[in-house]
Each structure stands twice: as C-alpha cells, then as structure tokens.
Amino acid sequence: DLMEQMASLGVNSVAIALLTSSTSGAVLALYFAPFLKQYGAEGFTGAVVALAIARELGPVLTGVVVAARAGSAIAAELGTMKVTEQIDALRALAVSPIQYLVVPRILAAVIMVPLVCALADAAGIFGGYLLSQSEGVLPVTYLNSMKQFIDPSDFSKGILKTVVFGLIITLVGTAAADITGILAGAVIAGLGLYILPARRRKVQARFRQESEELRQRLNGAMTDQ
C-alpha cells in the first residue's frame, strides 16, 4: 500500500508540478531580464530566477499542487470509506485504521513531495533559462551567475520545507476525511428523509388506484350477474 500511495501522491503529481514550476521560472525570467538589462545587470538573471525557485517558489508551488491534487483525493477517499463503514470493518477485524490508512499516506508524502520539489526546481530553472535567451541573456552568462551566487544549501533548505508540507497535507487530508464523511452521511440521510416519504406516497397512491379499479371491476361483474 505504501508503493501505491507513493505513486498516487508523488508520481502522478510530477507532470503538473513540472508544468507549474517551469512556467513560473519562465515568467520570472521574462520580467526580470528586461528590468536588469536596463541597468546592465542582465548577468544576474540566472541567479535571481534560481534563488527564487530554489528557496520559495519551488517548494510552495509543489506543496500547492500536491495539496490540490492528492490532499483532496485523500479526504474524499477516506471520507467515502467512513460513510460506507469500511473503517468500522477494519476495527472489527482488529486492524488499526491509523496504521493501515494514515501512516502509509504520511510516509509516502514525506518521501515523495521532496523528490517532486527537486524536479520542480530543475524545471523552473530550465524554464527561466529558455526565456532568458529570448531576452538577450547568453546561456553561459545565465549559468555562470547561478554558479557564482547559488549554494547547494539553497536547494536543500527549500526541499526540507516540503517535508513539512507533505506532513501537513496528509494530516489535514485525513482530518478532513472525518468532516467529509459526516457531511456525506448527513446528505445521504437528508436525501433519505426526502426520497423515502415521496416513494411511500407514490406507492400508496398506486395501491389506492389499483384497489379502486379492482372494486369497479367487481361491481361491474356483480351488476352483469
């Protein structure tokens, strides 16, 4: 189950994280390159884009993407299991729902969200690299500014943030599952209170109609005799 959750939380979120981060890096380069060029500092474009992506934008965008895609899925899945009493069935089988359902999701998020963030950082820097060339920044200048001002700790600090983000996403998702289950149960109960009386009235009306038709047929038969 851990591998399935890692695929669901991490692998399935890679594409949208790369797309979001690469476009963000491209937008940063698109705005900063002309601005820096006015002051003859276009050589700092690579450093600006890489610092922004590595320290803040990469981790934050990764957390938002995973929360939007996987966090809501966790709440919906566990909420459905609560409504259909599958969690109660696990307790009846002496299986801890926390260990069976929650722990694998937490471990998967703590492992995979940082990996997705690392890929998103690379995609964001590459997106800025492509756009900066269209603004007149030489590839060598872009890369040299990164080497000069970027330290590996900038990436490691940003990636460490996503460990906390992954933990928060799964804890909030599993906590929201209780609320989702309660709301879904209330909706189902409300629909039952509305549908069942309407169905009962329909059956009663049909029964009265058939009884009236049968009575008329009996009266007709007695009249003929």
C-alpha atoms as a PDB file:
ATOM      1  CA  ASP A   1       0.000   0.000   0.000  1.00  0.00           C
ATOM      2  CA  LEU A   2       2.961   2.330   0.605  1.00  0.00           C
ATOM      3  CA  MET A   3       4.116   1.979  -3.004  1.00  0.00           C
ATOM      4  CA  GLU A   4       0.598   2.698  -4.261  1.00  0.00           C
ATOM      5  CA  GLN A   5       0.411   5.831  -2.150  1.00  0.00           C
ATOM      6  CA  MET A   6       3.853   6.947  -3.316  1.00  0.00           C
ATOM      7  CA  ALA A   7       2.688   6.574  -6.912  1.00  0.00           C
ATOM      8  CA  SER A   8      -0.562   8.395  -6.186  1.00  0.00           C
ATOM      9  CA  LEU A   9       0.945  11.263  -4.190  1.00  0.00           C
ATOM     10  CA  GLY A  10       4.238  11.653  -5.985  1.00  0.00           C
ATOM     11  CA  VAL A  11       4.457  10.140  -9.452  1.00  0.00           C
ATOM     12  CA  ASN A  12       1.002  11.266 -10.531  1.00  0.00           C
ATOM     13  CA  SER A  13       1.770  14.823  -9.376  1.00  0.00           C
ATOM     14  CA  VAL A  14       5.060  15.181 -11.231  1.00  0.00           C
ATOM     15  CA  ALA A  15       3.638  16.350 -14.560  1.00  0.00           C
ATOM     16  CA  ILE A  16       1.530  19.199 -13.198  1.00  0.00           C
ATOM     17  CA  ALA A  17       4.318  20.235 -10.779  1.00  0.00           C
ATOM     18  CA  LEU A  18       6.838  20.433 -13.634  1.00  0.00           C
ATOM     19  CA  LEU A  19       4.432  22.411 -15.773  1.00  0.00           C
ATOM     20  CA  THR A  20       3.627  24.869 -12.992  1.00  0.00           C
ATOM     21  CA  SER A  21       7.233  25.377 -11.933  1.00  0.00           C
ATOM     22  CA  SER A  22       8.637  25.710 -15.462  1.00  0.00           C
ATOM     23  CA  THR A  23       6.096  28.358 -16.406  1.00  0.00           C
ATOM     24  CA  SER A  24       6.781  30.225 -13.150  1.00  0.00           C
ATOM     25  CA  GLY A  25      10.509  30.242 -13.866  1.00  0.00           C
ATOM     26  CA  ALA A  26       9.852  31.428 -17.396  1.00  0.00           C
ATOM     27  CA  VAL A  27       7.664  34.280 -16.121  1.00  0.00           C
ATOM     28  CA  LEU A  28      10.359  35.325 -13.631  1.00  0.00           C
ATOM     29  CA  ALA A  29      12.953  35.463 -16.402  1.00  0.00           C
ATOM     30  CA  LEU A  30      10.517  37.288 -18.677  1.00  0.00           C
ATOM     31  CA  TYR A  31      10.038  40.089 -16.144  1.00  0.00           C
ATOM     32  CA  PHE A  32      13.450  40.296 -14.505  1.00  0.00           C
ATOM     33  CA  ALA A  33      15.676  40.017 -17.582  1.00  0.00           C
ATOM     34  CA  PRO A  34      14.461  43.285 -19.228  1.00  0.00           C
ATOM     35  CA  PHE A  35      14.446  45.058 -15.851  1.00  0.00           C
ATOM     36  CA  LEU A  36      18.027  44.050 -15.059  1.00  0.00           C
ATOM     37  CA  LYS A  37      19.097  44.771 -18.615  1.00  0.00           C
ATOM     38  CA  GLN A  38      18.184  48.440 -18.144  1.00  0.00           C
ATOM     39  CA  TYR A  39      20.930  48.686 -15.524  1.00  0.00           C
ATOM     40  CA  GLY A  40      23.416  46.459 -17.310  1.00  0.00           C
ATOM     41  CA  ALA A  41      22.870  43.662 -14.802  1.00  0.00           C
ATOM     42  CA  GLU A  42      21.278  41.063 -17.068  1.00  0.00           C
ATOM     43  CA  GLY A  43      24.027  38.695 -15.970  1.00  0.00           C
ATOM     44  CA  PHE A  44      22.245  38.285 -12.642  1.00  0.00           C
ATOM     45  CA  THR A  45      19.083  36.865 -14.252  1.00  0.00           C
ATOM     46  CA  GLY A  46      20.088  33.262 -13.662  1.00  0.00           C
ATOM     47  CA  ALA A  47      20.878  33.904 -10.003  1.00  0.00           C
ATOM     48  CA  VAL A  48      17.587  35.723  -9.403  1.00  0.00           C
ATOM     49  CA  VAL A  49      15.491  33.003 -11.043  1.00  0.00           C
ATOM     50  CA  ALA A  50      17.364  30.144  -9.386  1.00  0.00           C
ATOM     51  CA  LEU A  51      17.229  31.713  -5.914  1.00  0.00           C
ATOM     52  CA  ALA A  52      13.518  32.442  -6.172  1.00  0.00           C
ATOM     53  CA  ILE A  53      12.754  28.931  -7.403  1.00  0.00           C
ATOM     54  CA  ALA A  54      15.048  27.079  -5.019  1.00  0.00           C
ATOM     55  CA  ARG A  55      14.172  28.919  -1.821  1.00  0.00           C
ATOM     56  CA  GLU A  56      10.486  29.735  -2.153  1.00  0.00           C
ATOM     57  CA  LEU A  57       8.596  29.176  -5.385  1.00  0.00           C
ATOM     58  CA  GLY A  58       9.635  25.567  -5.961  1.00  0.00           C
ATOM     59  CA  PRO A  59       8.606  24.284  -2.514  1.00  0.00           C
ATOM     60  CA  VAL A  60       5.453  26.412  -2.316  1.00  0.00           C
ATOM     61  CA  LEU A  61       4.211  25.530  -5.793  1.00  0.00           C
ATOM     62  CA  THR A  62       4.948  21.851  -5.191  1.00  0.00           C
ATOM     63  CA  GLY A  63       3.023  21.933  -1.931  1.00  0.00           C
ATOM     64  CA  VAL A  64       0.062  23.687  -3.540  1.00  0.00           C
ATOM     65  CA  VAL A  65      -0.042  21.270  -6.463  1.00  0.00           C
ATOM     66  CA  VAL A  66       0.194  18.159  -4.290  1.00  0.00           C
ATOM     67  CA  ALA A  67      -2.375  19.528  -1.841  1.00  0.00           C
ATOM     68  CA  ALA A  68      -4.807  20.357  -4.631  1.00  0.00           C
ATOM     69  CA  ARG A  69      -4.390  17.035  -6.382  1.00  0.00           C
ATOM     70  CA  ALA A  70      -3.579  14.470  -3.690  1.00  0.00           C
ATOM     71  CA  GLY A  71      -4.806  16.126  -0.493  1.00  0.00           C
ATOM     72  CA  SER A  72      -8.357  16.413  -1.752  1.00  0.00           C
ATOM     73  CA  ALA A  73      -8.183  12.826  -3.023  1.00  0.00           C
ATOM     74  CA  ILE A  74      -7.154  11.606   0.442  1.00  0.00           C
ATOM     75  CA  ALA A  75     -10.068  13.421   2.086  1.00  0.00           C
ATOM     76  CA  ALA A  76     -12.548  12.110  -0.488  1.00  0.00           C
ATOM     77  CA  GLU A  77     -11.260   8.526  -0.350  1.00  0.00           C
ATOM     78  CA  LEU A  78     -11.174   8.228   3.430  1.00  0.00           C
ATOM     79  CA  GLY A  79     -14.468  10.109   3.746  1.00  0.00           C
ATOM     80  CA  THR A  80     -16.098   7.602   1.413  1.00  0.00           C
ATOM     81  CA  MET A  81     -14.646   4.736   3.429  1.00  0.00           C
ATOM     82  CA  LYS A  82     -16.089   6.264   6.579  1.00  0.00           C
ATOM     83  CA  VAL A  83     -19.564   6.642   5.066  1.00  0.00           C
ATOM     84  CA  THR A  84     -19.579   3.071   3.721  1.00  0.00           C
ATOM     85  CA  GLU A  85     -18.390   1.801   7.141  1.00  0.00           C
ATOM     86  CA  GLN A  86     -15.188   0.294   5.750  1.00  0.00           C
ATOM     87  CA  ILE A  87     -13.217   1.894   8.577  1.00  0.00           C
ATOM     88  CA  ASP A  88     -15.564   0.280  11.098  1.00  0.00           C
ATOM     89  CA  ALA A  89     -14.985  -3.022   9.324  1.00  0.00           C
ATOM     90  CA  LEU A  90     -11.232  -2.624   9.798  1.00  0.00           C
ATOM     91  CA  ARG A  91     -11.748  -2.047  13.512  1.00  0.00           C
ATOM     92  CA  ALA A  92     -13.966  -5.140  13.651  1.00  0.00           C
ATOM     93  CA  LEU A  93     -11.086  -7.137  12.118  1.00  0.00           C
ATOM     94  CA  ALA A  94      -8.708  -5.768  14.795  1.00  0.00           C
ATOM     95  CA  VAL A  95      -6.838  -3.702  12.190  1.00  0.00           C
ATOM     96  CA  SER A  96      -5.821  -0.194  13.204  1.00  0.00           C
ATOM     97  CA  PRO A  97      -7.147   2.333  10.650  1.00  0.00           C
ATOM     98  CA  ILE A  98      -4.315   4.695  11.602  1.00  0.00           C
ATOM     99  CA  GLN A  99      -1.596   2.174  10.779  1.00  0.00           C
ATOM    100  CA  TYR A 100      -3.372   0.791   7.707  1.00  0.00           C
ATOM    101  CA  LEU A 101      -4.692   4.005   6.133  1.00  0.00           C
ATOM    102  CA  VAL A 102      -2.977   7.061   7.605  1.00  0.00           C
ATOM    103  CA  VAL A 103       0.648   6.011   8.191  1.00  0.00           C
ATOM    104  CA  PRO A 104       1.311   4.855   4.580  1.00  0.00           C
ATOM    105  CA  ARG A 105      -0.018   8.167   3.252  1.00  0.00           C
ATOM    106  CA  ILE A 106       2.143  10.177   5.643  1.00  0.00           C
ATOM    107  CA  LEU A 107       5.271   8.202   4.741  1.00  0.00           C
ATOM    108  CA  ALA A 108       4.506   8.486   1.034  1.00  0.00           C
ATOM    109  CA  ALA A 109       4.082  12.261   1.286  1.00  0.00           C
ATOM    110  CA  VAL A 110       7.243  12.754   3.358  1.00  0.00           C
ATOM    111  CA  ILE A 111       9.242  10.721   0.833  1.00  0.00           C
ATOM    112  CA  MET A 112       7.743  11.832  -2.469  1.00  0.00           C
ATOM    113  CA  VAL A 113       6.957  15.539  -2.030  1.00  0.00           C
ATOM    114  CA  PRO A 114      10.648  16.470  -1.622  1.00  0.00           C
ATOM    115  CA  LEU A 115      11.502  14.435  -4.725  1.00  0.00           C
ATOM    116  CA  VAL A 116       8.780  16.184  -6.694  1.00  0.00           C
ATOM    117  CA  CYS A 117      10.116  19.513  -5.395  1.00  0.00           C
ATOM    118  CA  ALA A 118      13.629  18.701  -6.631  1.00  0.00           C
ATOM    119  CA  LEU A 119      12.266  18.014 -10.107  1.00  0.00           C
ATOM    120  CA  ALA A 120      10.157  21.167  -9.951  1.00  0.00           C
ATOM    121  CA  ASP A 121      13.231  23.237  -9.037  1.00  0.00           C
ATOM    122  CA  ALA A 122      15.082  21.901 -12.073  1.00  0.00           C
ATOM    123  CA  ALA A 123      12.084  22.562 -14.316  1.00  0.00           C
ATOM    124  CA  GLY A 124      11.710  26.132 -13.037  1.00  0.00           C
ATOM    125  CA  ILE A 125      15.366  26.957 -13.605  1.00  0.00           C
ATOM    126  CA  PHE A 126      15.214  25.416 -17.065  1.00  0.00           C
ATOM    127  CA  GLY A 127      12.105  27.433 -17.932  1.00  0.00           C
ATOM    128  CA  GLY A 128      13.903  30.617 -16.890  1.00  0.00           C
ATOM    129  CA  TYR A 129      16.930  29.517 -18.910  1.00  0.00           C
ATOM    130  CA  LEU A 130      14.868  29.218 -22.098  1.00  0.00           C
ATOM    131  CA  LEU A 131      13.047  32.527 -21.683  1.00  0.00           C
ATOM    132  CA  SER A 132      16.156  34.463 -20.726  1.00  0.00           C
ATOM    133  CA  GLN A 133      17.713  33.646 -24.082  1.00  0.00           C
ATOM    134  CA  SER A 134      14.833  35.330 -25.866  1.00  0.00           C
ATOM    135  CA  GLU A 135      15.560  38.447 -23.776  1.00  0.00           C
ATOM    136  CA  GLY A 136      19.199  38.568 -24.842  1.00  0.00           C
ATOM    137  CA  VAL A 137      20.813  36.800 -21.884  1.00  0.00           C
ATOM    138  CA  LEU A 138      23.540  34.435 -23.049  1.00  0.00           C
ATOM    139  CA  PRO A 139      23.306  30.822 -21.813  1.00  0.00           C
ATOM    140  CA  VAL A 140      26.841  30.983 -20.434  1.00  0.00           C
ATOM    141  CA  THR A 141      26.021  34.173 -18.514  1.00  0.00           C
ATOM    142  CA  TYR A 142      22.868  32.591 -17.077  1.00  0.00           C
ATOM    143  CA  LEU A 143      24.725  29.500 -15.885  1.00  0.00           C
ATOM    144  CA  ASN A 144      27.735  31.415 -14.559  1.00  0.00           C
ATOM    145  CA  SER A 145      25.540  33.665 -12.422  1.00  0.00           C
ATOM    146  CA  MET A 146      23.947  30.567 -10.916  1.00  0.00           C
ATOM    147  CA  LYS A 147      27.349  29.066 -10.112  1.00  0.00           C
ATOM    148  CA  GLN A 148      28.512  32.318  -8.553  1.00  0.00           C
ATOM    149  CA  PHE A 149      25.546  33.107  -6.289  1.00  0.00           C
ATOM    150  CA  ILE A 150      23.739  29.805  -5.718  1.00  0.00           C
ATOM    151  CA  ASP A 151      24.803  27.476  -2.939  1.00  0.00           C
ATOM    152  CA  PRO A 152      23.615  23.846  -2.584  1.00  0.00           C
ATOM    153  CA  SER A 153      22.166  24.776   0.790  1.00  0.00           C
ATOM    154  CA  ASP A 154      19.638  26.990  -1.021  1.00  0.00           C
ATOM    155  CA  PHE A 155      18.178  23.895  -2.642  1.00  0.00           C
ATOM    156  CA  SER A 156      18.420  21.711   0.460  1.00  0.00           C
ATOM    157  CA  LYS A 157      16.628  24.272   2.654  1.00  0.00           C
ATOM    158  CA  GLY A 158      13.819  24.598   0.130  1.00  0.00           C
ATOM    159  CA  ILE A 159      13.455  20.835  -0.232  1.00  0.00           C
ATOM    160  CA  LEU A 160      13.367  20.399   3.565  1.00  0.00           C
ATOM    161  CA  LYS A 161      10.351  22.697   3.643  1.00  0.00           C
ATOM    162  CA  THR A 162       8.423  20.230   1.508  1.00  0.00           C
ATOM    163  CA  VAL A 163       8.859  17.532   4.170  1.00  0.00           C
ATOM    164  CA  VAL A 164       6.766  19.697   6.475  1.00  0.00           C
ATOM    165  CA  PHE A 165       4.377  20.498   3.621  1.00  0.00           C
ATOM    166  CA  GLY A 166       3.870  16.788   2.904  1.00  0.00           C
ATOM    167  CA  LEU A 167       3.176  16.085   6.567  1.00  0.00           C
ATOM    168  CA  ILE A 168       0.664  18.922   6.760  1.00  0.00           C
ATOM    169  CA  ILE A 169      -1.079  17.849   3.545  1.00  0.00           C
ATOM    170  CA  THR A 170      -1.669  14.300   4.727  1.00  0.00           C
ATOM    171  CA  LEU A 171      -2.678  15.270   8.273  1.00  0.00           C
ATOM    172  CA  VAL A 172      -5.161  17.860   7.024  1.00  0.00           C
ATOM    173  CA  GLY A 173      -6.459  15.459   4.366  1.00  0.00           C
ATOM    174  CA  THR A 174      -7.046  12.655   6.846  1.00  0.00           C
ATOM    175  CA  ALA A 175      -8.627  15.049   9.350  1.00  0.00           C
ATOM    176  CA  ALA A 176     -10.882  16.446   6.630  1.00  0.00           C
ATOM    177  CA  ALA A 177     -11.990  12.897   5.857  1.00  0.00           C
ATOM    178  CA  ASP A 178     -13.967  12.852   9.111  1.00  0.00           C
ATOM    179  CA  ILE A 179     -15.706  16.086   8.164  1.00  0.00           C
ATOM    180  CA  THR A 180     -16.295  14.817   4.633  1.00  0.00           C
ATOM    181  CA  GLY A 181     -17.737  11.584   5.981  1.00  0.00           C
ATOM    182  CA  ILE A 182     -20.025  13.414   8.389  1.00  0.00           C
ATOM    183  CA  LEU A 183     -21.246  15.778   5.670  1.00  0.00           C
ATOM    184  CA  ALA A 184     -21.754  12.931   3.202  1.00  0.00           C
ATOM    185  CA  GLY A 185     -23.667  10.964   5.818  1.00  0.00           C
ATOM    186  CA  ALA A 186     -25.835  13.995   6.547  1.00  0.00           C
ATOM    187  CA  VAL A 187     -26.541  14.472   2.844  1.00  0.00           C
ATOM    188  CA  ILE A 188     -27.460  10.826   2.415  1.00  0.00           C
ATOM    189  CA  ALA A 189     -29.682  10.965   5.481  1.00  0.00           C
ATOM    190  CA  GLY A 190     -31.333  14.117   4.183  1.00  0.00           C
ATOM    191  CA  LEU A 191     -31.945  12.544   0.806  1.00  0.00           C
ATOM    192  CA  GLY A 192     -33.378   9.524   2.546  1.00  0.00           C
ATOM    193  CA  LEU A 193     -35.761  11.682   4.568  1.00  0.00           C
ATOM    194  CA  TYR A 194     -36.917  13.346   1.355  1.00  0.00           C
ATOM    195  CA  ILE A 195     -36.969  10.387  -1.035  1.00  0.00           C
ATOM    196  CA  LEU A 196     -38.464   7.702   1.184  1.00  0.00           C
ATOM    197  CA  PRO A 197     -41.685   9.612   2.076  1.00  0.00           C
ATOM    198  CA  ALA A 198     -42.143  10.591  -1.577  1.00  0.00           C
ATOM    199  CA  ARG A 199     -41.677   6.967  -2.628  1.00  0.00           C
ATOM    200  CA  ARG A 200     -44.096   5.807   0.041  1.00  0.00           C
ATOM    201  CA  ARG A 201     -46.727   8.320  -1.100  1.00  0.00           C
ATOM    202  CA  LYS A 202     -46.311   7.158  -4.678  1.00  0.00           C
ATOM    203  CA  VAL A 203     -46.771   3.510  -3.689  1.00  0.00           C
ATOM    204  CA  GLN A 204     -49.830   4.347  -1.601  1.00  0.00           C
ATOM    205  CA  ALA A 205     -51.389   6.309  -4.457  1.00  0.00           C
ATOM    206  CA  ARG A 206     -50.782   3.433  -6.865  1.00  0.00           C
ATOM    207  CA  PHE A 207     -52.243   0.964  -4.360  1.00  0.00           C
ATOM    208  CA  ARG A 208     -55.382   3.092  -3.972  1.00  0.00           C
ATOM    209  CA  GLN A 209     -55.716   3.388  -7.741  1.00  0.00           C
ATOM    210  CA  GLU A 210     -55.424  -0.361  -8.257  1.00  0.00           C
ATOM    211  CA  SER A 211     -57.846  -1.023  -5.397  1.00  0.00           C
ATOM    212  CA  GLU A 212     -60.379   1.354  -6.954  1.00  0.00           C
ATOM    213  CA  GLU A 213     -60.023  -0.326 -10.347  1.00  0.00           C
ATOM    214  CA  LEU A 214     -60.497  -3.758  -8.754  1.00  0.00           C
ATOM    215  CA  ARG A 215     -63.575  -2.563  -6.860  1.00  0.00           C
ATOM    216  CA  GLN A 216     -65.109  -1.177 -10.056  1.00  0.00           C
ATOM    217  CA  ARG A 217     -64.490  -4.462 -11.841  1.00  0.00           C
ATOM    218  CA  LEU A 218     -66.144  -6.426  -9.043  1.00  0.00           C
ATOM    219  CA  ASN A 219     -69.148  -4.091  -9.044  1.00  0.00           C
ATOM    220  CA  GLY A 220     -69.416  -4.474 -12.819  1.00  0.00           C
ATOM    221  CA  ALA A 221     -69.286  -8.238 -12.571  1.00  0.00           C
ATOM    222  CA  MET A 222     -71.984  -8.287  -9.890  1.00  0.00           C
ATOM    223  CA  THR A 223     -74.172  -5.969 -11.968  1.00  0.00           C
ATOM    224  CA  ASP A 224     -73.875  -8.242 -15.013  1.00  0.00           C
ATOM    225  CA  GLN A 225     -74.983 -11.227 -12.940  1.00  0.00           C
END
